[in-house]
Amino acid sequence: MTHANNCILSSRCKLAGSAECNRSCGHFIAMHGYSGKGGRVANANTPADYRLLTLATSPARESQAKIYGTLEKYVATFDRQFEPDGDRIKSLFLFSESPGTGKTTTAIAVLNEWLIAHYLGSLRRNRQPSQVPVYFLDVNEWQTLFNEFNRSNIPKEVAEPASREYYRRMHLAKTAPFVVCDDLGVRDATTAFRADLHSVINARTTNALPAIFTSNLPIEEMATVFDQRLYDRVRDQCAVLAFSGSSKRGRR
């Protein structure tokens, strides 16, 4: 039984669709683990419905054709990740005032393109691929975890797991070679949470690690999310892509 449609590598694999395409394939296991558990795709923390998306299969491709033309050129630069002295890969800021225009879908498609480029590029160079080459940080979920262990009178058995998971996500968002920070600046935040978000963005800019930021706010308003100095650095190192149209949610 073929599993080509369930493998993120299917569009790059000569065996896709053949009798040899099955869940015992070492590359399938490396990317997807066993029974959907483990593997680099799960490690990326992307929502389940988005885990196989690429630029070619993204449902936002048709409505955002101009942006996808730009992104094809962008992902063509991903081999630079193997060149420590190569040109820096810029970050992206995906923006639209209306929700549901495909920002998150597109960001994850690009993240998956990096994941594929990293895995295959590492093998071609006889290197061991990273177990977490990409990471998806849902900023709203992350803030919810923060609130969960910072509420007053919260039981220890609730606070400690939330705290551990919060700081685990924070570490991965700082250190993964490529990250999506989804939904910046859409909720009120405490000074402490804002400082943690600031430290994630600062760590990535300082270490020249590319990221995709999505937001319903224009990049100019990120000056209220970050301090002015960090905002200036983010703006300088980001290509801004503005999504047009109204919400497409419910039409996938």
Protein backbone atom coordinates (compact mmCIF):
# COMPACT_ATOMS: atom_id res chain seq x y z
CA MET A 1 0.00 0.00 0.00
CA THR A 2 1.44 3.38 -1.02
CA HIS A 3 1.62 6.25 1.47
CA ALA A 4 2.81 8.93 -0.93
CA ASN A 5 -0.08 11.25 -0.07
CA ASN A 6 0.80 11.03 3.63
CA CYS A 7 4.49 11.86 3.34
CA ILE A 8 5.90 15.35 3.27
CA LEU A 9 8.70 14.13 0.99
CA SER A 10 6.39 12.68 -1.68
CA SER A 11 6.94 15.47 -4.21
CA ARG A 12 10.72 14.94 -4.02
CA CYS A 13 10.77 11.14 -3.84
CA LYS A 14 11.30 8.87 -6.87
CA LEU A 15 9.52 6.03 -5.06
CA ALA A 16 6.36 7.97 -4.29
CA GLY A 17 3.34 6.05 -5.47
CA SER A 18 5.26 2.83 -6.05
CA ALA A 19 5.00 -0.46 -4.19
CA GLU A 20 8.12 0.53 -2.26
CA CYS A 21 6.37 3.59 -0.84
CA ASN A 22 5.25 2.49 2.62
CA ARG A 23 5.52 3.31 6.29
CA SER A 24 8.62 1.16 6.74
CA CYS A 25 10.59 3.58 4.58
CA GLY A 26 13.43 5.02 6.64
CA HIS A 27 12.85 8.52 5.30
CA PHE A 28 9.14 8.35 6.14
CA ILE A 29 9.99 7.28 9.68
CA ALA A 30 12.62 10.02 9.98
CA MET A 31 10.05 12.64 9.03
CA HIS A 32 6.83 11.22 10.49
CA GLY A 33 7.89 8.74 13.17
CA TYR A 34 5.74 5.74 14.01
CA SER A 35 1.93 5.94 13.91
CA GLY A 36 2.12 9.70 13.63
CA LYS A 37 4.16 10.01 16.82
CA GLY A 38 7.65 11.44 16.83
CA GLY A 39 9.56 12.44 13.76
CA ARG A 40 10.63 15.83 12.54
CA VAL A 41 7.17 16.81 11.30
CA ALA A 42 5.63 16.32 14.75
CA ASN A 43 8.62 18.03 16.38
CA ALA A 44 7.83 21.14 14.34
CA ASN A 45 4.62 21.62 16.38
CA THR A 46 2.52 22.60 13.36
CA PRO A 47 -1.26 22.02 13.58
CA ALA A 48 -2.19 18.56 12.28
CA ASP A 49 -4.21 19.83 9.32
CA TYR A 50 -1.21 21.77 8.00
CA ARG A 51 1.59 19.24 8.42
CA LEU A 52 1.89 18.20 4.78
CA LEU A 53 1.43 21.62 3.17
CA THR A 54 4.03 22.96 0.75
CA LEU A 55 3.96 25.99 -1.52
CA ALA A 56 2.65 23.77 -4.32
CA THR A 57 -0.24 22.37 -2.28
CA SER A 58 -1.20 25.39 -0.19
CA PRO A 59 -4.88 26.35 -0.54
CA ALA A 60 -3.84 30.02 -0.32
CA ARG A 61 -1.72 29.78 -3.46
CA GLU A 62 -4.45 30.77 -5.93
CA SER A 63 -5.78 33.78 -4.02
CA GLN A 64 -2.29 35.08 -3.20
CA ALA A 65 -0.58 34.27 -6.50
CA LYS A 66 1.75 37.29 -6.49
CA ILE A 67 3.00 36.53 -2.99
CA TYR A 68 3.56 32.88 -3.87
CA GLY A 69 5.66 33.93 -6.85
CA THR A 70 7.88 35.85 -4.42
CA LEU A 71 8.00 32.91 -2.02
CA GLU A 72 9.17 30.51 -4.73
CA LYS A 73 12.26 32.70 -5.09
CA TYR A 74 12.61 32.94 -1.32
CA VAL A 75 12.65 29.19 -0.68
CA ALA A 76 15.20 28.79 -3.48
CA THR A 77 17.67 30.47 -1.08
CA PHE A 78 17.26 27.80 1.61
CA ASP A 79 20.44 25.95 0.63
CA ARG A 80 22.26 28.89 2.22
CA GLN A 81 21.55 27.26 5.57
CA PHE A 82 24.49 24.97 4.79
CA GLU A 83 26.82 27.92 4.05
CA PRO A 84 27.98 29.48 7.34
CA ASP A 85 29.61 32.35 5.47
CA GLY A 86 26.84 32.75 2.90
CA ASP A 87 24.42 35.62 2.57
CA ARG A 88 21.93 35.92 5.39
CA ILE A 89 18.45 34.51 4.76
CA LYS A 90 16.02 37.28 5.59
CA SER A 91 12.94 36.89 7.73
CA LEU A 92 9.38 37.49 6.51
CA PHE A 93 6.53 39.51 7.97
CA LEU A 94 3.14 38.35 6.67
CA PHE A 95 0.39 40.88 7.28
CA SER A 96 -3.28 41.44 6.54
CA GLU A 97 -5.90 43.46 8.39
CA SER A 98 -8.48 40.75 7.74
CA PRO A 99 -8.03 37.35 9.38
CA GLY A 100 -8.33 34.18 7.31
CA THR A 101 -6.46 35.37 4.21
CA GLY A 102 -3.90 32.57 4.32
CA LYS A 103 -1.06 34.01 6.39
CA THR A 104 -0.70 31.06 8.76
CA THR A 105 -1.27 28.54 5.97
CA THR A 106 1.44 30.21 3.91
CA ALA A 107 3.86 30.52 6.81
CA ILE A 108 3.58 26.79 7.53
CA ALA A 109 4.00 25.92 3.86
CA VAL A 110 7.28 27.85 3.84
CA LEU A 111 8.32 26.26 7.14
CA ASN A 112 7.76 22.84 5.58
CA GLU A 113 9.84 23.84 2.57
CA TRP A 114 12.71 24.59 4.98
CA LEU A 115 12.17 21.26 6.73
CA ILE A 116 12.39 19.39 3.43
CA ALA A 117 15.40 21.40 2.24
CA HIS A 118 17.17 20.78 5.54
CA TYR A 119 16.55 17.03 5.60
CA LEU A 120 17.46 16.34 1.98
CA GLY A 121 20.31 18.84 1.95
CA SER A 122 21.83 17.29 5.07
CA LEU A 123 21.72 13.81 3.55
CA ARG A 124 23.34 15.04 0.33
CA ARG A 125 26.17 16.48 2.40
CA ASN A 126 26.54 13.37 4.58
CA ARG A 127 25.35 15.27 7.64
CA GLN A 128 22.93 14.20 10.34
CA PRO A 129 19.71 16.22 9.97
CA SER A 130 18.59 18.11 13.05
CA GLN A 131 15.70 16.60 14.98
CA VAL A 132 14.10 20.07 15.25
CA PRO A 133 15.18 22.09 12.23
CA VAL A 134 11.92 24.10 12.27
CA TYR A 135 9.43 25.14 14.94
CA PHE A 136 5.95 26.68 14.94
CA LEU A 137 5.17 28.99 17.86
CA ASP A 138 1.52 29.92 18.22
CA VAL A 139 1.94 33.11 20.22
CA ASN A 140 -1.65 32.99 21.50
CA GLU A 141 -1.25 29.45 22.81
CA TRP A 142 2.10 30.38 24.32
CA GLN A 143 0.54 33.36 26.10
CA THR A 144 -2.25 31.12 27.40
CA LEU A 145 0.37 28.85 28.97
CA PHE A 146 2.00 31.89 30.55
CA ASN A 147 -1.32 33.00 32.04
CA GLU A 148 -2.02 29.48 33.28
CA PHE A 149 0.95 29.34 35.63
CA ASN A 150 0.83 33.01 36.62
CA ARG A 151 -2.73 33.11 37.92
CA SER A 152 -3.19 33.65 41.63
CA ASN A 153 -3.90 30.62 43.82
CA ILE A 154 -3.24 28.17 40.99
CA PRO A 155 -2.50 24.62 42.23
CA LYS A 156 1.09 23.48 41.94
CA GLU A 157 0.11 20.41 39.92
CA VAL A 158 -1.37 22.71 37.28
CA ALA A 159 1.24 25.47 37.35
CA GLU A 160 4.36 23.32 37.07
CA PRO A 161 3.44 21.44 33.85
CA ALA A 162 2.31 24.69 32.22
CA SER A 163 5.54 26.40 33.23
CA ARG A 164 7.72 23.56 31.91
CA GLU A 165 5.89 23.52 28.58
CA TYR A 166 6.05 27.31 28.31
CA TYR A 167 9.82 27.41 28.73
CA ARG A 168 10.32 24.39 26.47
CA ARG A 169 8.54 26.22 23.66
CA MET A 170 10.49 29.36 24.42
CA HIS A 171 13.81 27.52 24.10
CA LEU A 172 12.83 25.93 20.78
CA ALA A 173 11.56 29.24 19.41
CA LYS A 174 14.92 30.79 20.23
CA THR A 175 17.16 28.03 18.89
CA ALA A 176 15.47 26.20 15.99
CA PRO A 177 17.12 27.15 12.68
CA PHE A 178 13.79 28.31 11.22
CA VAL A 179 10.71 29.45 13.16
CA VAL A 180 7.20 30.72 12.57
CA CYS A 181 5.87 33.12 15.22
CA ASP A 182 2.16 33.15 14.47
CA ASP A 183 -0.20 35.98 15.45
CA LEU A 184 2.02 38.68 16.90
CA GLY A 185 0.45 41.54 18.75
CA VAL A 186 -3.20 40.52 18.78
CA ARG A 187 -3.77 40.35 22.55
CA ASP A 188 -2.97 42.45 25.59
CA ALA A 189 0.20 41.21 27.24
CA THR A 190 1.80 41.68 30.61
CA THR A 191 5.22 43.27 30.86
CA ALA A 192 6.71 39.89 31.78
CA PHE A 193 5.23 38.07 28.79
CA ARG A 194 6.21 40.88 26.48
CA ALA A 195 9.78 40.59 27.80
CA ASP A 196 9.84 36.86 27.02
CA LEU A 197 8.55 37.45 23.50
CA HIS A 198 11.15 40.18 23.14
CA SER A 199 13.89 37.74 24.19
CA VAL A 200 12.79 35.21 21.57
CA ILE A 201 12.89 37.76 18.75
CA ASN A 202 16.13 39.25 20.03
CA ALA A 203 17.82 35.85 20.19
CA ARG A 204 16.88 35.13 16.60
CA THR A 205 17.96 38.49 15.21
CA THR A 206 21.23 38.41 17.17
CA ASN A 207 22.08 34.94 15.85
CA ALA A 208 20.91 35.63 12.28
CA LEU A 209 18.23 32.94 12.48
CA PRO A 210 15.38 33.55 10.02
CA ALA A 211 11.75 33.60 11.11
CA ILE A 212 8.32 34.22 9.69
CA PHE A 213 6.07 36.52 11.69
CA THR A 214 2.35 36.73 11.01
CA SER A 215 0.08 39.48 12.28
CA ASN A 216 -3.16 41.36 11.68
CA LEU A 217 -1.22 44.51 12.53
CA PRO A 218 1.11 46.31 10.09
CA ILE A 219 4.79 46.05 10.88
CA GLU A 220 4.88 49.69 11.99
CA GLU A 221 2.68 48.79 14.95
CA MET A 222 5.20 46.19 16.09
CA ALA A 223 7.00 49.11 17.73
CA THR A 224 4.41 48.69 20.49
CA VAL A 225 5.13 44.94 20.77
CA PHE A 226 8.92 45.31 20.87
CA ASP A 227 11.05 48.16 22.07
CA GLN A 228 12.10 50.65 19.40
CA ARG A 229 15.61 49.25 19.01
CA LEU A 230 14.46 45.68 18.44
CA TYR A 231 11.62 46.84 16.20
CA ASP A 232 14.13 48.67 14.01
CA ARG A 233 16.23 45.49 13.71
CA VAL A 234 13.24 43.30 12.89
CA ARG A 235 12.00 45.77 10.28
CA ASP A 236 15.45 46.01 8.70
CA GLN A 237 15.82 42.24 8.43
CA CYS A 238 12.27 41.41 7.26
CA ALA A 239 10.61 41.39 3.89
CA VAL A 240 7.00 42.50 4.37
CA LEU A 241 4.32 40.66 2.37
CA ALA A 242 0.81 42.10 2.57
CA PHE A 243 -2.04 39.65 2.01
CA SER A 244 -5.10 40.92 0.20
CA GLY A 245 -8.73 39.89 0.17
CA SER A 246 -11.26 38.78 2.77
CA SER A 247 -11.36 35.72 4.97
CA LYS A 248 -11.26 32.33 3.21
CA ARG A 249 -11.87 30.32 6.37
CA GLY A 250 -14.29 27.47 5.90
CA ARG A 251 -13.42 27.17 2.21
CA ARG A 252 -10.48 24.77 2.44
